[in-house]
Amino acid sequence: MLQNVCSPVERIVRVIIGLIILSLVYFLRDEGAVRYLGLIGLIPMGTAVIKYCPISHVFGISTCTPKRA
């Protein structure tokens, strides 16, 4: 499978950002349907787990080191 998110620092940052966004579900609990926007935080967490980000792929960004033969 194609991977473009290999840096451990980048993966940790993605998880932290995802958790911050996901916390909106809790903090906006009285705001009705707006709180479910916090579920967008699952996206950066998912990209950290599967090590692939489609947006980085479109822009040609990769933190993986090329394999040497």
PDB file of N, CA and C in Angstrom:
ATOM      1  N   MET A   1       0.836  -1.177   0.000  1.00  0.00           N
ATOM      2  CA  MET A   1       0.000   0.000   0.000  1.00  0.00           C
ATOM      3  C   MET A   1       0.880   1.239   0.000  1.00  0.00           C
ATOM      4  N   LEU A   2       0.452   2.241  -0.691  1.00  0.00           N
ATOM      5  CA  LEU A   2       1.179   3.500  -0.780  1.00  0.00           C
ATOM      6  C   LEU A   2       1.171   4.209   0.574  1.00  0.00           C
ATOM      7  N   GLN A   3       2.335   4.696   0.992  1.00  0.00           N
ATOM      8  CA  GLN A   3       2.448   5.442   2.246  1.00  0.00           C
ATOM      9  C   GLN A   3       3.135   6.760   1.962  1.00  0.00           C
ATOM     10  N   ASN A   4       2.624   7.844   2.533  1.00  0.00           N
ATOM     11  CA  ASN A   4       3.283   9.131   2.395  1.00  0.00           C
ATOM     12  C   ASN A   4       3.377   9.874   3.728  1.00  0.00           C
ATOM     13  N   VAL A   5       3.002   9.222   4.822  1.00  0.00           N
ATOM     14  CA  VAL A   5       3.122   9.794   6.158  1.00  0.00           C
ATOM     15  C   VAL A   5       3.946   8.811   6.989  1.00  0.00           C
ATOM     16  N   CYS A   6       5.262   8.961   6.973  1.00  0.00           N
ATOM     17  CA  CYS A   6       6.136   8.012   7.665  1.00  0.00           C
ATOM     18  C   CYS A   6       6.829   8.603   8.887  1.00  0.00           C
ATOM     19  N   SER A   7       6.936   9.915   8.945  1.00  0.00           N
ATOM     20  CA  SER A   7       7.628  10.561  10.049  1.00  0.00           C
ATOM     21  C   SER A   7       6.852  10.355  11.349  1.00  0.00           C
ATOM     22  N   PRO A   8       7.512   9.826  12.388  1.00  0.00           N
ATOM     23  CA  PRO A   8       6.811   9.621  13.666  1.00  0.00           C
ATOM     24  C   PRO A   8       6.310  10.932  14.271  1.00  0.00           C
ATOM     25  N   VAL A   9       7.057  12.002  14.070  1.00  0.00           N
ATOM     26  CA  VAL A   9       6.639  13.299  14.610  1.00  0.00           C
ATOM     27  C   VAL A   9       5.358  13.758  13.922  1.00  0.00           C
ATOM     28  N   GLU A  10       5.295  13.610  12.614  1.00  0.00           N
ATOM     29  CA  GLU A  10       4.099  14.015  11.876  1.00  0.00           C
ATOM     30  C   GLU A  10       2.890  13.181  12.299  1.00  0.00           C
ATOM     31  N   ARG A  11       3.093  11.901  12.517  1.00  0.00           N
ATOM     32  CA  ARG A  11       1.989  11.038  12.927  1.00  0.00           C
ATOM     33  C   ARG A  11       1.477  11.432  14.316  1.00  0.00           C
ATOM     34  N   ILE A  12       2.375  11.760  15.230  1.00  0.00           N
ATOM     35  CA  ILE A  12       1.975  12.182  16.575  1.00  0.00           C
ATOM     36  C   ILE A  12       1.218  13.504  16.513  1.00  0.00           C
ATOM     37  N   VAL A  13       1.706  14.430  15.687  1.00  0.00           N
ATOM     38  CA  VAL A  13       1.026  15.724  15.537  1.00  0.00           C
ATOM     39  C   VAL A  13      -0.368  15.524  14.965  1.00  0.00           C
ATOM     40  N   ARG A  14      -0.509  14.630  13.994  1.00  0.00           N
ATOM     41  CA  ARG A  14      -1.833  14.356  13.420  1.00  0.00           C
ATOM     42  C   ARG A  14      -2.789  13.775  14.463  1.00  0.00           C
ATOM     43  N   VAL A  15      -2.297  12.897  15.307  1.00  0.00           N
ATOM     44  CA  VAL A  15      -3.151  12.321  16.359  1.00  0.00           C
ATOM     45  C   VAL A  15      -3.565  13.400  17.355  1.00  0.00           C
ATOM     46  N   ILE A  16      -2.632  14.260  17.752  1.00  0.00           N
ATOM     47  CA  ILE A  16      -2.949  15.329  18.710  1.00  0.00           C
ATOM     48  C   ILE A  16      -3.970  16.293  18.121  1.00  0.00           C
ATOM     49  N   ILE A  17      -3.774  16.705  16.874  1.00  0.00           N
ATOM     50  CA  ILE A  17      -4.732  17.601  16.226  1.00  0.00           C
ATOM     51  C   ILE A  17      -6.095  16.927  16.113  1.00  0.00           C
ATOM     52  N   GLY A  18      -6.103  15.652  15.766  1.00  0.00           N
ATOM     53  CA  GLY A  18      -7.359  14.916  15.679  1.00  0.00           C
ATOM     54  C   GLY A  18      -8.087  14.862  17.010  1.00  0.00           C
ATOM     55  N   LEU A  19      -7.339  14.630  18.087  1.00  0.00           N
ATOM     56  CA  LEU A  19      -7.960  14.588  19.413  1.00  0.00           C
ATOM     57  C   LEU A  19      -8.520  15.947  19.828  1.00  0.00           C
ATOM     58  N   ILE A  20      -7.809  17.007  19.468  1.00  0.00           N
ATOM     59  CA  ILE A  20      -8.290  18.356  19.790  1.00  0.00           C
ATOM     60  C   ILE A  20      -9.598  18.633  19.059  1.00  0.00           C
ATOM     61  N   ILE A  21      -9.642  18.316  17.771  1.00  0.00           N
ATOM     62  CA  ILE A  21     -10.868  18.539  16.999  1.00  0.00           C
ATOM     63  C   ILE A  21     -11.985  17.625  17.491  1.00  0.00           C
ATOM     64  N   LEU A  22     -11.649  16.387  17.801  1.00  0.00           N
ATOM     65  CA  LEU A  22     -12.640  15.428  18.283  1.00  0.00           C
ATOM     66  C   LEU A  22     -13.218  15.844  19.636  1.00  0.00           C
ATOM     67  N   SER A  23     -12.462  16.589  20.423  1.00  0.00           N
ATOM     68  CA  SER A  23     -12.954  17.033  21.728  1.00  0.00           C
ATOM     69  C   SER A  23     -14.106  18.029  21.593  1.00  0.00           C
ATOM     70  N   LEU A  24     -14.302  18.599  20.414  1.00  0.00           N
ATOM     71  CA  LEU A  24     -15.430  19.503  20.203  1.00  0.00           C
ATOM     72  C   LEU A  24     -16.761  18.792  20.406  1.00  0.00           C
ATOM     73  N   VAL A  25     -16.795  17.495  20.168  1.00  0.00           N
ATOM     74  CA  VAL A  25     -18.023  16.727  20.388  1.00  0.00           C
ATOM     75  C   VAL A  25     -18.425  16.845  21.857  1.00  0.00           C
ATOM     76  N   TYR A  26     -17.472  16.836  22.744  1.00  0.00           N
ATOM     77  CA  TYR A  26     -17.760  16.940  24.180  1.00  0.00           C
ATOM     78  C   TYR A  26     -18.040  18.385  24.591  1.00  0.00           C
ATOM     79  N   PHE A  27     -17.187  19.313  24.167  1.00  0.00           N
ATOM     80  CA  PHE A  27     -17.305  20.691  24.621  1.00  0.00           C
ATOM     81  C   PHE A  27     -18.505  21.425  24.028  1.00  0.00           C
ATOM     82  N   LEU A  28     -18.979  21.002  22.879  1.00  0.00           N
ATOM     83  CA  LEU A  28     -20.149  21.636  22.266  1.00  0.00           C
ATOM     84  C   LEU A  28     -21.401  20.787  22.444  1.00  0.00           C
ATOM     85  N   ARG A  29     -21.485  20.056  23.542  1.00  0.00           N
ATOM     86  CA  ARG A  29     -22.579  19.106  23.728  1.00  0.00           C
ATOM     87  C   ARG A  29     -23.951  19.769  23.808  1.00  0.00           C
ATOM     88  N   ASP A  30     -24.029  21.059  24.134  1.00  0.00           N
ATOM     89  CA  ASP A  30     -25.312  21.745  24.231  1.00  0.00           C
ATOM     90  C   ASP A  30     -25.656  22.540  22.973  1.00  0.00           C
ATOM     91  N   GLU A  31     -24.836  22.454  21.942  1.00  0.00           N
ATOM     92  CA  GLU A  31     -25.020  23.264  20.744  1.00  0.00           C
ATOM     93  C   GLU A  31     -25.798  22.556  19.640  1.00  0.00           C
ATOM     94  N   GLY A  32     -26.341  21.406  19.891  1.00  0.00           N
ATOM     95  CA  GLY A  32     -27.133  20.694  18.885  1.00  0.00           C
ATOM     96  C   GLY A  32     -26.263  19.970  17.884  1.00  0.00           C
ATOM     97  N   ALA A  33     -26.613  20.075  16.613  1.00  0.00           N
ATOM     98  CA  ALA A  33     -25.931  19.327  15.559  1.00  0.00           C
ATOM     99  C   ALA A  33     -24.532  19.863  15.265  1.00  0.00           C
ATOM    100  N   VAL A  34     -24.217  21.066  15.711  1.00  0.00           N
ATOM    101  CA  VAL A  34     -22.900  21.653  15.446  1.00  0.00           C
ATOM    102  C   VAL A  34     -21.790  20.819  16.079  1.00  0.00           C
ATOM    103  N   ARG A  35     -22.095  20.183  17.187  1.00  0.00           N
ATOM    104  CA  ARG A  35     -21.063  19.424  17.889  1.00  0.00           C
ATOM    105  C   ARG A  35     -20.530  18.267  17.058  1.00  0.00           C
ATOM    106  N   TYR A  36     -21.322  17.752  16.138  1.00  0.00           N
ATOM    107  CA  TYR A  36     -20.880  16.623  15.332  1.00  0.00           C
ATOM    108  C   TYR A  36     -19.813  17.009  14.306  1.00  0.00           C
ATOM    109  N   LEU A  37     -19.546  18.298  14.149  1.00  0.00           N
ATOM    110  CA  LEU A  37     -18.417  18.714  13.319  1.00  0.00           C
ATOM    111  C   LEU A  37     -17.099  18.236  13.930  1.00  0.00           C
ATOM    112  N   GLY A  38     -17.110  17.973  15.210  1.00  0.00           N
ATOM    113  CA  GLY A  38     -15.921  17.455  15.881  1.00  0.00           C
ATOM    114  C   GLY A  38     -15.509  16.087  15.378  1.00  0.00           C
ATOM    115  N   LEU A  39     -16.430  15.370  14.736  1.00  0.00           N
ATOM    116  CA  LEU A  39     -16.090  14.059  14.190  1.00  0.00           C
ATOM    117  C   LEU A  39     -15.100  14.165  13.027  1.00  0.00           C
ATOM    118  N   ILE A  40     -14.910  15.373  12.514  1.00  0.00           N
ATOM    119  CA  ILE A  40     -13.893  15.595  11.481  1.00  0.00           C
ATOM    120  C   ILE A  40     -12.514  15.246  12.035  1.00  0.00           C
ATOM    121  N   GLY A  41     -12.351  15.275  13.346  1.00  0.00           N
ATOM    122  CA  GLY A  41     -11.091  14.921  13.984  1.00  0.00           C
ATOM    123  C   GLY A  41     -10.680  13.482  13.745  1.00  0.00           C
ATOM    124  N   LEU A  42     -11.610  12.644  13.323  1.00  0.00           N
ATOM    125  CA  LEU A  42     -11.273  11.256  13.010  1.00  0.00           C
ATOM    126  C   LEU A  42     -10.414  11.154  11.748  1.00  0.00           C
ATOM    127  N   ILE A  43     -10.509  12.151  10.875  1.00  0.00           N
ATOM    128  CA  ILE A  43      -9.752  12.110   9.620  1.00  0.00           C
ATOM    129  C   ILE A  43      -8.248  12.195   9.863  1.00  0.00           C
ATOM    130  N   PRO A  44      -7.724  13.216  10.587  1.00  0.00           N
ATOM    131  CA  PRO A  44      -6.273  13.222  10.815  1.00  0.00           C
ATOM    132  C   PRO A  44      -5.790  12.028  11.636  1.00  0.00           C
ATOM    133  N   MET A  45      -6.634  11.543  12.540  1.00  0.00           N
ATOM    134  CA  MET A  45      -6.238  10.363  13.310  1.00  0.00           C
ATOM    135  C   MET A  45      -6.163   9.142  12.406  1.00  0.00           C
ATOM    136  N   GLY A  46      -7.083   9.027  11.474  1.00  0.00           N
ATOM    137  CA  GLY A  46      -7.070   7.906  10.528  1.00  0.00           C
ATOM    138  C   GLY A  46      -5.869   7.954   9.606  1.00  0.00           C
ATOM    139  N   THR A  47      -5.499   9.153   9.152  1.00  0.00           N
ATOM    140  CA  THR A  47      -4.337   9.259   8.273  1.00  0.00           C
ATOM    141  C   THR A  47      -3.053   8.895   9.008  1.00  0.00           C
ATOM    142  N   ALA A  48      -3.013   9.155  10.311  1.00  0.00           N
ATOM    143  CA  ALA A  48      -1.832   8.780  11.094  1.00  0.00           C
ATOM    144  C   ALA A  48      -1.752   7.271  11.259  1.00  0.00           C
ATOM    145  N   VAL A  49      -2.887   6.614  11.386  1.00  0.00           N
ATOM    146  CA  VAL A  49      -2.900   5.169  11.595  1.00  0.00           C
ATOM    147  C   VAL A  49      -2.559   4.417  10.314  1.00  0.00           C
ATOM    148  N   ILE A  50      -3.161   4.823   9.186  1.00  0.00           N
ATOM    149  CA  ILE A  50      -2.931   4.089   7.939  1.00  0.00           C
ATOM    150  C   ILE A  50      -1.726   4.616   7.159  1.00  0.00           C
ATOM    151  N   LYS A  51      -1.117   5.692   7.634  1.00  0.00           N
ATOM    152  CA  LYS A  51       0.093   6.284   7.046  1.00  0.00           C
ATOM    153  C   LYS A  51      -0.106   6.760   5.608  1.00  0.00           C
ATOM    154  N   TYR A  52      -1.308   7.194   5.288  1.00  0.00           N
ATOM    155  CA  TYR A  52      -1.581   7.700   3.944  1.00  0.00           C
ATOM    156  C   TYR A  52      -2.524   8.886   4.044  1.00  0.00           C
ATOM    157  N   CYS A  53      -2.149   9.981   3.386  1.00  0.00           N
ATOM    158  CA  CYS A  53      -2.980  11.170   3.338  1.00  0.00           C
ATOM    159  C   CYS A  53      -3.244  11.522   1.875  1.00  0.00           C
ATOM    160  N   PRO A  54      -4.499  11.477   1.435  1.00  0.00           N
ATOM    161  CA  PRO A  54      -4.796  11.767   0.035  1.00  0.00           C
ATOM    162  C   PRO A  54      -4.432  13.200  -0.367  1.00  0.00           C
ATOM    163  N   ILE A  55      -4.568  14.151   0.529  1.00  0.00           N
ATOM    164  CA  ILE A  55      -4.236  15.542   0.202  1.00  0.00           C
ATOM    165  C   ILE A  55      -2.738  15.681  -0.023  1.00  0.00           C
ATOM    166  N   SER A  56      -1.926  15.044   0.812  1.00  0.00           N
ATOM    167  CA  SER A  56      -0.474  15.080   0.614  1.00  0.00           C
ATOM    168  C   SER A  56      -0.099  14.396  -0.694  1.00  0.00           C
ATOM    169  N   HIS A  57      -0.824  13.366  -1.056  1.00  0.00           N
ATOM    170  CA  HIS A  57      -0.566  12.654  -2.311  1.00  0.00           C
ATOM    171  C   HIS A  57      -0.833  13.556  -3.510  1.00  0.00           C
ATOM    172  N   VAL A  58      -1.906  14.326  -3.461  1.00  0.00           N
ATOM    173  CA  VAL A  58      -2.243  15.236  -4.560  1.00  0.00           C
ATOM    174  C   VAL A  58      -1.155  16.289  -4.742  1.00  0.00           C
ATOM    175  N   PHE A  59      -0.626  16.816  -3.639  1.00  0.00           N
ATOM    176  CA  PHE A  59       0.414  17.836  -3.711  1.00  0.00           C
ATOM    177  C   PHE A  59       1.820  17.260  -3.830  1.00  0.00           C
ATOM    178  N   GLY A  60       1.961  15.960  -3.816  1.00  0.00           N
ATOM    179  CA  GLY A  60       3.267  15.321  -3.984  1.00  0.00           C
ATOM    180  C   GLY A  60       4.153  15.401  -2.757  1.00  0.00           C
ATOM    181  N   ILE A  61       3.564  15.526  -1.596  1.00  0.00           N
ATOM    182  CA  ILE A  61       4.313  15.627  -0.346  1.00  0.00           C
ATOM    183  C   ILE A  61       4.427  14.247   0.280  1.00  0.00           C
ATOM    184  N   SER A  62       5.646  13.882   0.679  1.00  0.00           N
ATOM    185  CA  SER A  62       5.860  12.607   1.337  1.00  0.00           C
ATOM    186  C   SER A  62       6.985  12.760   2.354  1.00  0.00           C
ATOM    187  N   THR A  63       6.777  12.237   3.556  1.00  0.00           N
ATOM    188  CA  THR A  63       7.818  12.290   4.577  1.00  0.00           C
ATOM    189  C   THR A  63       8.553  10.966   4.675  1.00  0.00           C
ATOM    190  N   CYS A  64       8.293  10.066   3.735  1.00  0.00           N
ATOM    191  CA  CYS A  64       8.980   8.766   3.716  1.00  0.00           C
ATOM    192  C   CYS A  64      10.313   8.914   2.997  1.00  0.00           C
ATOM    193  N   THR A  65      11.318   8.245   3.528  1.00  0.00           N
ATOM    194  CA  THR A  65      12.613   8.243   2.862  1.00  0.00           C
ATOM    195  C   THR A  65      12.580   7.217   1.733  1.00  0.00           C
ATOM    196  N   PRO A  66      13.146   7.559   0.591  1.00  0.00           N
ATOM    197  CA  PRO A  66      13.127   6.600  -0.523  1.00  0.00           C
ATOM    198  C   PRO A  66      14.003   5.380  -0.211  1.00  0.00           C
ATOM    199  N   LYS A  67      13.534   4.216  -0.664  1.00  0.00           N
ATOM    200  CA  LYS A  67      14.299   2.979  -0.434  1.00  0.00           C
ATOM    201  C   LYS A  67      15.464   2.934  -1.401  1.00  0.00           C
ATOM    202  N   ARG A  68      16.611   2.540  -0.881  1.00  0.00           N
ATOM    203  CA  ARG A  68      17.814   2.425  -1.716  1.00  0.00           C
ATOM    204  C   ARG A  68      18.018   0.991  -2.136  1.00  0.00           C
ATOM    205  N   ALA A  69      18.414   0.833  -3.360  1.00  0.00           N
ATOM    206  CA  ALA A  69      18.606  -0.521  -3.904  1.00  0.00           C
ATOM    207  C   ALA A  69      19.978  -1.057  -3.559  1.00  0.00           C
TER     208      ALA A  69
END
